[in-house]
Amino acid sequence: MKRLLITGAGGGLGKMARQRLAHLAETLRVSDIADIGPAGPNEECVQCDLGDARAVERLVEGCDGVVHLGGQSVEDKFSVIANANIHGVFHLYEAARKHGCNRIFFASSNHVIGLYSQDQHLDHTAPPRPDTLYGVSKHFGEGLAQMYHHRFGIETALVRIGSCFPKPVDRRMLATWLSPDDFVSLVERVFAVPRLGCPVIYGVSHNDDCWWDNSHVGYLGWRPKDNSAVYRDEVYAKAPPPAKDAPEAFYQGGLFVVEPIREE
């Protein structure tokens, strides 16, 4: 690609993506609502509020692809979530349509299906069961991407990211962990394949503990290599197991399922 846009480049995942995805394009355009510092080699830094339609249109102009990591990443008041995750995603897809940017990596979330129990094994056909307003906003983004795909041909990887950290830090993450290396290799495959479509992809490594099935996207050629099992003893030593009916032990969404609805 000539130019790849990474939104949310100031967040934890965005900072890692900025460091490790530069090889995918001649120029990396990195953006966040906050100042992300000076541009590095072959970088363009653009400060942008996703809720500002005109600013997003300028942001996407000239880009061949988007790694969309921007937005509200945890539960909050609906107005906060809506600005970035509903209005902002609409602005992004409208800008992509207008400027002919036809491939997007959309960071969705496991919280789209967070109210399933941990003993249920899910594939892409499982109906959404969002656990929070945040999860609902990601479900909206998935639906919007589907519409822009079927009407306008914009291809999107709808990646329901589990927990992307250097290593799992609790028992739930033994099932949801996505290693940074596996994240990078997934982004690489999303922009390498000749035909992407608009698939739901569970963003998870090759863990022994597994709730999600990605067999329907074998055509991507993505083969996650890392396994959370190597950290099992370390995770178990940190804390005793929660009660069997505790949210973090029962629901796939963990503690998100008990997040309160925040008043405006």
C-alpha atoms as a PDB file:
ATOM      1  CA  MET A   1       0.000   0.000   0.000  1.00  0.00           C
ATOM      2  CA  LYS A   2       1.029   3.575  -0.511  1.00  0.00           C
ATOM      3  CA  ARG A   3      -0.683   4.851   2.620  1.00  0.00           C
ATOM      4  CA  LEU A   4      -2.148   2.947   5.586  1.00  0.00           C
ATOM      5  CA  LEU A   5      -4.178   4.728   8.259  1.00  0.00           C
ATOM      6  CA  ILE A   6      -4.080   3.582  11.886  1.00  0.00           C
ATOM      7  CA  THR A   7      -6.696   5.200  14.108  1.00  0.00           C
ATOM      8  CA  GLY A   8      -6.407   5.073  17.879  1.00  0.00           C
ATOM      9  CA  ALA A   9      -2.627   5.172  17.566  1.00  0.00           C
ATOM     10  CA  GLY A  10      -2.269   6.625  21.061  1.00  0.00           C
ATOM     11  CA  GLY A  11      -3.837   3.633  22.810  1.00  0.00           C
ATOM     12  CA  GLY A  12      -2.068   0.518  24.010  1.00  0.00           C
ATOM     13  CA  LEU A  13      -2.898  -1.546  20.947  1.00  0.00           C
ATOM     14  CA  GLY A  14      -2.457   1.460  18.668  1.00  0.00           C
ATOM     15  CA  LYS A  15       1.061   2.162  19.927  1.00  0.00           C
ATOM     16  CA  MET A  16       2.043  -1.435  19.248  1.00  0.00           C
ATOM     17  CA  ALA A  17       0.454  -1.320  15.790  1.00  0.00           C
ATOM     18  CA  ARG A  18       2.296   1.905  14.999  1.00  0.00           C
ATOM     19  CA  GLN A  19       5.606   0.270  15.867  1.00  0.00           C
ATOM     20  CA  ARG A  20       5.018  -3.002  14.055  1.00  0.00           C
ATOM     21  CA  LEU A  21       2.898  -2.311  10.962  1.00  0.00           C
ATOM     22  CA  ALA A  22       5.010   0.287   9.191  1.00  0.00           C
ATOM     23  CA  HIS A  23       6.216  -2.328   6.688  1.00  0.00           C
ATOM     24  CA  LEU A  24       2.718  -2.617   5.208  1.00  0.00           C
ATOM     25  CA  ALA A  25       2.808   0.758   3.438  1.00  0.00           C
ATOM     26  CA  GLU A  26       5.126   3.404   2.067  1.00  0.00           C
ATOM     27  CA  THR A  27       3.540   5.900   4.450  1.00  0.00           C
ATOM     28  CA  LEU A  28       1.855   5.253   7.781  1.00  0.00           C
ATOM     29  CA  ARG A  29      -0.757   7.841   8.739  1.00  0.00           C
ATOM     30  CA  VAL A  30      -1.340   7.605  12.486  1.00  0.00           C
ATOM     31  CA  SER A  31      -4.155   9.356  14.299  1.00  0.00           C
ATOM     32  CA  ASP A  32      -5.739   9.803  17.697  1.00  0.00           C
ATOM     33  CA  ILE A  33      -7.958  12.308  19.457  1.00  0.00           C
ATOM     34  CA  ALA A  34      -4.968  13.161  21.668  1.00  0.00           C
ATOM     35  CA  ASP A  35      -1.545  14.392  20.613  1.00  0.00           C
ATOM     36  CA  ILE A  36       0.635  11.396  19.752  1.00  0.00           C
ATOM     37  CA  GLY A  37       3.903  13.243  19.404  1.00  0.00           C
ATOM     38  CA  PRO A  38       6.148  13.873  16.411  1.00  0.00           C
ATOM     39  CA  ALA A  39       6.000  11.755  13.279  1.00  0.00           C
ATOM     40  CA  GLY A  40       8.602   9.056  12.843  1.00  0.00           C
ATOM     41  CA  PRO A  41      10.238   8.010   9.580  1.00  0.00           C
ATOM     42  CA  ASN A  42       7.627   7.563   6.831  1.00  0.00           C
ATOM     43  CA  GLU A  43       4.852   8.666   9.201  1.00  0.00           C
ATOM     44  CA  GLU A  44       2.141  11.306   9.102  1.00  0.00           C
ATOM     45  CA  CYS A  45       0.545  12.275  12.431  1.00  0.00           C
ATOM     46  CA  VAL A  46      -2.990  13.660  12.375  1.00  0.00           C
ATOM     47  CA  GLN A  47      -4.937  14.616  15.489  1.00  0.00           C
ATOM     48  CA  CYS A  48      -8.611  13.844  14.865  1.00  0.00           C
ATOM     49  CA  ASP A  49     -11.865  13.448  16.782  1.00  0.00           C
ATOM     50  CA  LEU A  50     -13.826  10.631  15.142  1.00  0.00           C
ATOM     51  CA  GLY A  51     -17.008  12.502  16.001  1.00  0.00           C
ATOM     52  CA  ASP A  52     -16.014  15.272  13.557  1.00  0.00           C
ATOM     53  CA  ALA A  53     -17.240  14.149  10.142  1.00  0.00           C
ATOM     54  CA  ARG A  54     -15.212  16.653   8.100  1.00  0.00           C
ATOM     55  CA  ALA A  55     -12.037  15.892  10.006  1.00  0.00           C
ATOM     56  CA  VAL A  56     -12.502  12.147   9.452  1.00  0.00           C
ATOM     57  CA  GLU A  57     -13.095  12.707   5.746  1.00  0.00           C
ATOM     58  CA  ARG A  58      -9.780  14.551   5.491  1.00  0.00           C
ATOM     59  CA  LEU A  59      -8.126  11.855   7.600  1.00  0.00           C
ATOM     60  CA  VAL A  60      -9.118   9.007   5.273  1.00  0.00           C
ATOM     61  CA  GLU A  61      -8.397  10.861   2.026  1.00  0.00           C
ATOM     62  CA  GLY A  62      -5.466   9.294   0.165  1.00  0.00           C
ATOM     63  CA  CYS A  63      -5.417   6.077   2.224  1.00  0.00           C
ATOM     64  CA  ASP A  64      -5.467   2.613   0.673  1.00  0.00           C
ATOM     65  CA  GLY A  65      -6.456   0.834   3.878  1.00  0.00           C
ATOM     66  CA  VAL A  66      -7.445   1.459   7.493  1.00  0.00           C
ATOM     67  CA  VAL A  67      -6.595  -0.332  10.724  1.00  0.00           C
ATOM     68  CA  HIS A  68      -9.410   1.059  12.828  1.00  0.00           C
ATOM     69  CA  LEU A  69      -8.436   0.809  16.489  1.00  0.00           C
ATOM     70  CA  GLY A  70      -9.822   4.185  17.495  1.00  0.00           C
ATOM     71  CA  GLY A  71     -12.818   4.827  19.702  1.00  0.00           C
ATOM     72  CA  GLN A  72     -14.016   4.259  23.226  1.00  0.00           C
ATOM     73  CA  SER A  73     -12.536   0.961  24.418  1.00  0.00           C
ATOM     74  CA  VAL A  74     -14.371   0.434  27.721  1.00  0.00           C
ATOM     75  CA  GLU A  75     -17.827   1.042  29.156  1.00  0.00           C
ATOM     76  CA  ASP A  76     -18.831   4.655  29.749  1.00  0.00           C
ATOM     77  CA  LYS A  77     -21.791   7.006  29.418  1.00  0.00           C
ATOM     78  CA  PHE A  78     -23.730   6.456  26.200  1.00  0.00           C
ATOM     79  CA  SER A  79     -22.861   9.919  24.885  1.00  0.00           C
ATOM     80  CA  VAL A  80     -19.139   9.145  25.151  1.00  0.00           C
ATOM     81  CA  ILE A  81     -19.513   5.746  23.491  1.00  0.00           C
ATOM     82  CA  ALA A  82     -21.782   7.095  20.763  1.00  0.00           C
ATOM     83  CA  ASN A  83     -19.434   9.900  19.708  1.00  0.00           C
ATOM     84  CA  ALA A  84     -16.569   7.596  18.784  1.00  0.00           C
ATOM     85  CA  ASN A  85     -18.102   4.148  18.328  1.00  0.00           C
ATOM     86  CA  ILE A  86     -21.348   5.030  16.561  1.00  0.00           C
ATOM     87  CA  HIS A  87     -21.035   8.473  14.964  1.00  0.00           C
ATOM     88  CA  GLY A  88     -17.302   7.985  14.509  1.00  0.00           C
ATOM     89  CA  VAL A  89     -17.593   4.631  12.763  1.00  0.00           C
ATOM     90  CA  PHE A  90     -20.266   6.030  10.436  1.00  0.00           C
ATOM     91  CA  HIS A  91     -17.968   8.953   9.599  1.00  0.00           C
ATOM     92  CA  LEU A  92     -15.127   6.530   8.876  1.00  0.00           C
ATOM     93  CA  TYR A  93     -17.156   4.393   6.475  1.00  0.00           C
ATOM     94  CA  GLU A  94     -18.633   7.393   4.714  1.00  0.00           C
ATOM     95  CA  ALA A  95     -15.114   8.780   4.221  1.00  0.00           C
ATOM     96  CA  ALA A  96     -13.932   5.399   2.954  1.00  0.00           C
ATOM     97  CA  ARG A  97     -16.822   5.269   0.465  1.00  0.00           C
ATOM     98  CA  LYS A  98     -16.172   8.769  -0.814  1.00  0.00           C
ATOM     99  CA  HIS A  99     -12.443   8.263  -1.209  1.00  0.00           C
ATOM    100  CA  GLY A 100     -12.430   4.685  -2.550  1.00  0.00           C
ATOM    101  CA  CYS A 101     -10.680   3.185   0.472  1.00  0.00           C
ATOM    102  CA  ASN A 102     -11.935  -0.376   0.178  1.00  0.00           C
ATOM    103  CA  ARG A 103     -10.265  -2.440   2.894  1.00  0.00           C
ATOM    104  CA  ILE A 104     -10.607  -1.986   6.642  1.00  0.00           C
ATOM    105  CA  PHE A 105      -9.459  -3.906   9.717  1.00  0.00           C
ATOM    106  CA  PHE A 106     -12.196  -3.103  12.239  1.00  0.00           C
ATOM    107  CA  ALA A 107     -11.341  -3.703  15.873  1.00  0.00           C
ATOM    108  CA  SER A 108     -14.584  -5.127  17.176  1.00  0.00           C
ATOM    109  CA  SER A 109     -14.690  -6.866  20.541  1.00  0.00           C
ATOM    110  CA  ASN A 110     -15.458 -10.090  22.347  1.00  0.00           C
ATOM    111  CA  HIS A 111     -17.986  -8.007  24.281  1.00  0.00           C
ATOM    112  CA  VAL A 112     -20.317  -8.333  21.294  1.00  0.00           C
ATOM    113  CA  ILE A 113     -20.878 -11.893  22.549  1.00  0.00           C
ATOM    114  CA  GLY A 114     -20.026 -11.307  26.212  1.00  0.00           C
ATOM    115  CA  LEU A 115     -23.274 -12.686  27.660  1.00  0.00           C
ATOM    116  CA  TYR A 116     -22.626 -16.209  26.441  1.00  0.00           C
ATOM    117  CA  SER A 117     -21.396 -18.591  29.118  1.00  0.00           C
ATOM    118  CA  GLN A 118     -17.833 -19.837  29.035  1.00  0.00           C
ATOM    119  CA  ASP A 119     -18.942 -23.428  28.356  1.00  0.00           C
ATOM    120  CA  GLN A 120     -20.437 -22.399  24.992  1.00  0.00           C
ATOM    121  CA  HIS A 121     -18.287 -22.743  21.862  1.00  0.00           C
ATOM    122  CA  LEU A 122     -19.084 -20.029  19.317  1.00  0.00           C
ATOM    123  CA  ASP A 123     -18.478 -19.512  15.632  1.00  0.00           C
ATOM    124  CA  HIS A 124     -19.378 -16.624  13.342  1.00  0.00           C
ATOM    125  CA  THR A 125     -23.055 -17.674  13.215  1.00  0.00           C
ATOM    126  CA  ALA A 126     -23.689 -17.117  16.953  1.00  0.00           C
ATOM    127  CA  PRO A 127     -26.225 -14.281  17.403  1.00  0.00           C
ATOM    128  CA  PRO A 128     -24.728 -11.292  19.230  1.00  0.00           C
ATOM    129  CA  ARG A 129     -25.280 -11.020  22.987  1.00  0.00           C
ATOM    130  CA  PRO A 130     -23.588  -7.743  23.946  1.00  0.00           C
ATOM    131  CA  ASP A 131     -22.752  -7.342  27.608  1.00  0.00           C
ATOM    132  CA  THR A 132     -22.527  -3.520  27.757  1.00  0.00           C
ATOM    133  CA  LEU A 133     -23.336  -0.373  25.818  1.00  0.00           C
ATOM    134  CA  TYR A 134     -19.742  -0.655  24.619  1.00  0.00           C
ATOM    135  CA  GLY A 135     -20.503  -4.133  23.271  1.00  0.00           C
ATOM    136  CA  VAL A 136     -23.665  -2.799  21.612  1.00  0.00           C
ATOM    137  CA  SER A 137     -21.613  -0.081  19.904  1.00  0.00           C
ATOM    138  CA  LYS A 138     -19.255  -2.694  18.461  1.00  0.00           C
ATOM    139  CA  HIS A 139     -22.243  -4.709  17.231  1.00  0.00           C
ATOM    140  CA  PHE A 140     -23.440  -1.526  15.509  1.00  0.00           C
ATOM    141  CA  GLY A 141     -20.040  -1.142  13.862  1.00  0.00           C
ATOM    142  CA  GLU A 142     -20.170  -4.716  12.578  1.00  0.00           C
ATOM    143  CA  GLY A 143     -23.629  -4.128  11.104  1.00  0.00           C
ATOM    144  CA  LEU A 144     -22.566  -0.868   9.491  1.00  0.00           C
ATOM    145  CA  ALA A 145     -19.548  -2.568   7.929  1.00  0.00           C
ATOM    146  CA  GLN A 146     -21.788  -5.299   6.522  1.00  0.00           C
ATOM    147  CA  MET A 147     -24.031  -2.718   4.884  1.00  0.00           C
ATOM    148  CA  TYR A 148     -21.094  -0.849   3.342  1.00  0.00           C
ATOM    149  CA  HIS A 149     -19.701  -4.142   2.092  1.00  0.00           C
ATOM    150  CA  HIS A 150     -22.850  -5.395   0.416  1.00  0.00           C
ATOM    151  CA  ARG A 151     -23.851  -2.010  -0.989  1.00  0.00           C
ATOM    152  CA  PHE A 152     -20.519  -0.382  -1.810  1.00  0.00           C
ATOM    153  CA  GLY A 153     -17.941  -3.185  -1.914  1.00  0.00           C
ATOM    154  CA  ILE A 154     -15.862  -2.062   1.072  1.00  0.00           C
ATOM    155  CA  GLU A 155     -14.221  -5.163   2.536  1.00  0.00           C
ATOM    156  CA  THR A 156     -13.826  -5.337   6.301  1.00  0.00           C
ATOM    157  CA  ALA A 157     -12.335  -7.822   8.730  1.00  0.00           C
ATOM    158  CA  LEU A 158     -14.669  -7.701  11.739  1.00  0.00           C
ATOM    159  CA  VAL A 159     -12.151  -8.747  14.370  1.00  0.00           C
ATOM    160  CA  ARG A 160     -13.677  -9.518  17.757  1.00  0.00           C
ATOM    161  CA  ILE A 161     -10.490  -8.977  19.719  1.00  0.00           C
ATOM    162  CA  GLY A 162     -10.192 -10.965  22.917  1.00  0.00           C
ATOM    163  CA  SER A 163      -7.398  -9.609  25.147  1.00  0.00           C
ATOM    164  CA  CYS A 164      -4.330  -8.339  23.302  1.00  0.00           C
ATOM    165  CA  PHE A 165      -1.529  -7.944  25.830  1.00  0.00           C
ATOM    166  CA  PRO A 166       2.086  -9.122  26.003  1.00  0.00           C
ATOM    167  CA  LYS A 167       0.843 -12.028  28.151  1.00  0.00           C
ATOM    168  CA  PRO A 168      -2.409 -13.060  29.887  1.00  0.00           C
ATOM    169  CA  VAL A 169      -2.824 -11.550  33.328  1.00  0.00           C
ATOM    170  CA  ASP A 170      -5.831 -13.456  34.707  1.00  0.00           C
ATOM    171  CA  ARG A 171      -7.624 -16.778  34.321  1.00  0.00           C
ATOM    172  CA  ARG A 172     -10.200 -15.514  31.825  1.00  0.00           C
ATOM    173  CA  MET A 173      -7.406 -14.339  29.528  1.00  0.00           C
ATOM    174  CA  LEU A 174      -6.141 -17.901  29.211  1.00  0.00           C
ATOM    175  CA  ALA A 175      -9.064 -18.281  26.787  1.00  0.00           C
ATOM    176  CA  THR A 176      -9.221 -14.761  25.311  1.00  0.00           C
ATOM    177  CA  TRP A 177      -5.523 -13.909  24.881  1.00  0.00           C
ATOM    178  CA  LEU A 178      -4.316 -12.593  21.528  1.00  0.00           C
ATOM    179  CA  SER A 179      -0.557 -12.213  21.462  1.00  0.00           C
ATOM    180  CA  PRO A 180       0.975  -9.146  19.791  1.00  0.00           C
ATOM    181  CA  ASP A 181       2.715 -11.395  17.246  1.00  0.00           C
ATOM    182  CA  ASP A 182      -0.562 -13.080  16.307  1.00  0.00           C
ATOM    183  CA  PHE A 183      -2.282  -9.695  16.081  1.00  0.00           C
ATOM    184  CA  VAL A 184       0.364  -8.446  13.653  1.00  0.00           C
ATOM    185  CA  SER A 185       0.173 -11.583  11.526  1.00  0.00           C
ATOM    186  CA  LEU A 186      -3.622 -11.245  11.331  1.00  0.00           C
ATOM    187  CA  VAL A 187      -3.400  -7.645  10.130  1.00  0.00           C
ATOM    188  CA  GLU A 188      -0.831  -8.742   7.550  1.00  0.00           C
ATOM    189  CA  ARG A 189      -3.170 -11.433   6.194  1.00  0.00           C
ATOM    190  CA  VAL A 190      -6.157  -9.068   6.106  1.00  0.00           C
ATOM    191  CA  PHE A 191      -4.290  -6.752   3.748  1.00  0.00           C
ATOM    192  CA  ALA A 192      -2.561  -9.511   1.760  1.00  0.00           C
ATOM    193  CA  VAL A 193      -5.416 -11.723   0.592  1.00  0.00           C
ATOM    194  CA  PRO A 194      -6.917 -10.918  -2.816  1.00  0.00           C
ATOM    195  CA  ARG A 195     -10.467 -11.398  -1.514  1.00  0.00           C
ATOM    196  CA  LEU A 196     -11.444 -10.563   2.040  1.00  0.00           C
ATOM    197  CA  GLY A 197     -15.213 -10.098   2.094  1.00  0.00           C
ATOM    198  CA  CYS A 198     -16.657  -9.025   5.436  1.00  0.00           C
ATOM    199  CA  PRO A 199     -16.005 -11.916   7.829  1.00  0.00           C
ATOM    200  CA  VAL A 200     -16.334 -12.075  11.591  1.00  0.00           C
ATOM    201  CA  ILE A 201     -12.952 -13.161  12.953  1.00  0.00           C
ATOM    202  CA  TYR A 202     -12.269 -13.989  16.572  1.00  0.00           C
ATOM    203  CA  GLY A 203      -9.049 -12.249  17.539  1.00  0.00           C
ATOM    204  CA  VAL A 204      -7.520 -14.951  19.686  1.00  0.00           C
ATOM    205  CA  SER A 205      -4.285 -16.924  19.741  1.00  0.00           C
ATOM    206  CA  HIS A 206      -3.877 -20.702  19.496  1.00  0.00           C
ATOM    207  CA  ASN A 207      -4.742 -21.226  23.164  1.00  0.00           C
ATOM    208  CA  ASP A 208      -5.481 -24.586  24.778  1.00  0.00           C
ATOM    209  CA  ASP A 209      -8.480 -22.920  26.437  1.00  0.00           C
ATOM    210  CA  CYS A 210     -10.741 -21.881  23.582  1.00  0.00           C
ATOM    211  CA  TRP A 211     -14.317 -20.588  23.285  1.00  0.00           C
ATOM    212  CA  TRP A 212     -14.268 -19.476  19.644  1.00  0.00           C
ATOM    213  CA  ASP A 213     -14.050 -21.134  16.229  1.00  0.00           C
ATOM    214  CA  ASN A 214     -12.339 -19.462  13.255  1.00  0.00           C
ATOM    215  CA  SER A 215     -12.537 -22.380  10.822  1.00  0.00           C
ATOM    216  CA  HIS A 216     -14.748 -20.358   8.456  1.00  0.00           C
ATOM    217  CA  VAL A 217     -11.866 -17.958   7.689  1.00  0.00           C
ATOM    218  CA  GLY A 218      -9.265 -20.557   6.779  1.00  0.00           C
ATOM    219  CA  TYR A 219      -8.983 -18.878   3.383  1.00  0.00           C
ATOM    220  CA  LEU A 220      -7.123 -15.989   5.043  1.00  0.00           C
ATOM    221  CA  GLY A 221      -4.146 -18.222   5.710  1.00  0.00           C
ATOM    222  CA  TRP A 222      -3.878 -16.871   9.257  1.00  0.00           C
ATOM    223  CA  ARG A 223      -2.284 -19.385  11.599  1.00  0.00           C
ATOM    224  CA  PRO A 224      -1.897 -18.003  15.132  1.00  0.00           C
ATOM    225  CA  LYS A 225       1.110 -19.577  16.798  1.00  0.00           C
ATOM    226  CA  ASP A 226       1.143 -18.485  20.427  1.00  0.00           C
ATOM    227  CA  ASN A 227      -0.547 -20.343  23.274  1.00  0.00           C
ATOM    228  CA  SER A 228      -1.562 -18.898  26.640  1.00  0.00           C
ATOM    229  CA  ALA A 229      -0.889 -22.275  28.260  1.00  0.00           C
ATOM    230  CA  VAL A 230       2.770 -21.346  28.702  1.00  0.00           C
ATOM    231  CA  TYR A 231       1.614 -18.733  31.243  1.00  0.00           C
ATOM    232  CA  ARG A 232      -0.922 -20.930  33.027  1.00  0.00           C
ATOM    233  CA  ASP A 233       1.154 -21.625  36.141  1.00  0.00           C
ATOM    234  CA  GLU A 234       2.095 -17.962  36.447  1.00  0.00           C
ATOM    235  CA  VAL A 235      -1.542 -16.869  36.141  1.00  0.00           C
ATOM    236  CA  TYR A 236      -2.779 -19.495  38.603  1.00  0.00           C
ATOM    237  CA  ALA A 237      -0.166 -18.454  41.164  1.00  0.00           C
ATOM    238  CA  LYS A 238      -1.390 -14.850  41.215  1.00  0.00           C
ATOM    239  CA  ALA A 239      -4.783 -15.465  42.774  1.00  0.00           C
ATOM    240  CA  PRO A 240      -7.147 -18.252  43.831  1.00  0.00           C
ATOM    241  CA  PRO A 241      -9.887 -19.192  41.372  1.00  0.00           C
ATOM    242  CA  PRO A 242     -13.108 -17.164  41.564  1.00  0.00           C
ATOM    243  CA  ALA A 243     -16.381 -18.772  42.598  1.00  0.00           C
ATOM    244  CA  LYS A 244     -17.959 -20.796  39.787  1.00  0.00           C
ATOM    245  CA  ASP A 245     -20.899 -18.396  39.544  1.00  0.00           C
ATOM    246  CA  ALA A 246     -18.744 -15.250  39.623  1.00  0.00           C
ATOM    247  CA  PRO A 247     -19.111 -13.209  36.414  1.00  0.00           C
ATOM    248  CA  GLU A 248     -15.449 -13.578  35.493  1.00  0.00           C
ATOM    249  CA  ALA A 249     -15.751 -17.358  35.808  1.00  0.00           C
ATOM    250  CA  PHE A 250     -19.145 -17.787  34.124  1.00  0.00           C
ATOM    251  CA  TYR A 251     -19.541 -15.244  31.323  1.00  0.00           C
ATOM    252  CA  GLN A 252     -17.325 -14.836  28.286  1.00  0.00           C
ATOM    253  CA  GLY A 253     -17.445 -11.077  28.858  1.00  0.00           C
ATOM    254  CA  GLY A 254     -16.138 -11.423  32.402  1.00  0.00           C
ATOM    255  CA  LEU A 255     -16.646  -8.461  34.676  1.00  0.00           C
ATOM    256  CA  PHE A 256     -18.068  -6.323  31.868  1.00  0.00           C
ATOM    257  CA  VAL A 257     -21.428  -8.024  32.436  1.00  0.00           C
ATOM    258  CA  VAL A 258     -21.819  -6.271  35.803  1.00  0.00           C
ATOM    259  CA  GLU A 259     -20.839  -2.813  34.586  1.00  0.00           C
ATOM    260  CA  PRO A 260     -23.552  -0.324  35.566  1.00  0.00           C
ATOM    261  CA  ILE A 261     -25.397   1.811  33.057  1.00  0.00           C
ATOM    262  CA  ARG A 262     -23.833   5.216  33.620  1.00  0.00           C
ATOM    263  CA  GLU A 263     -26.184   8.170  33.810  1.00  0.00           C
ATOM    264  CA  GLU A 264     -25.473  11.245  31.746  1.00  0.00           C
END
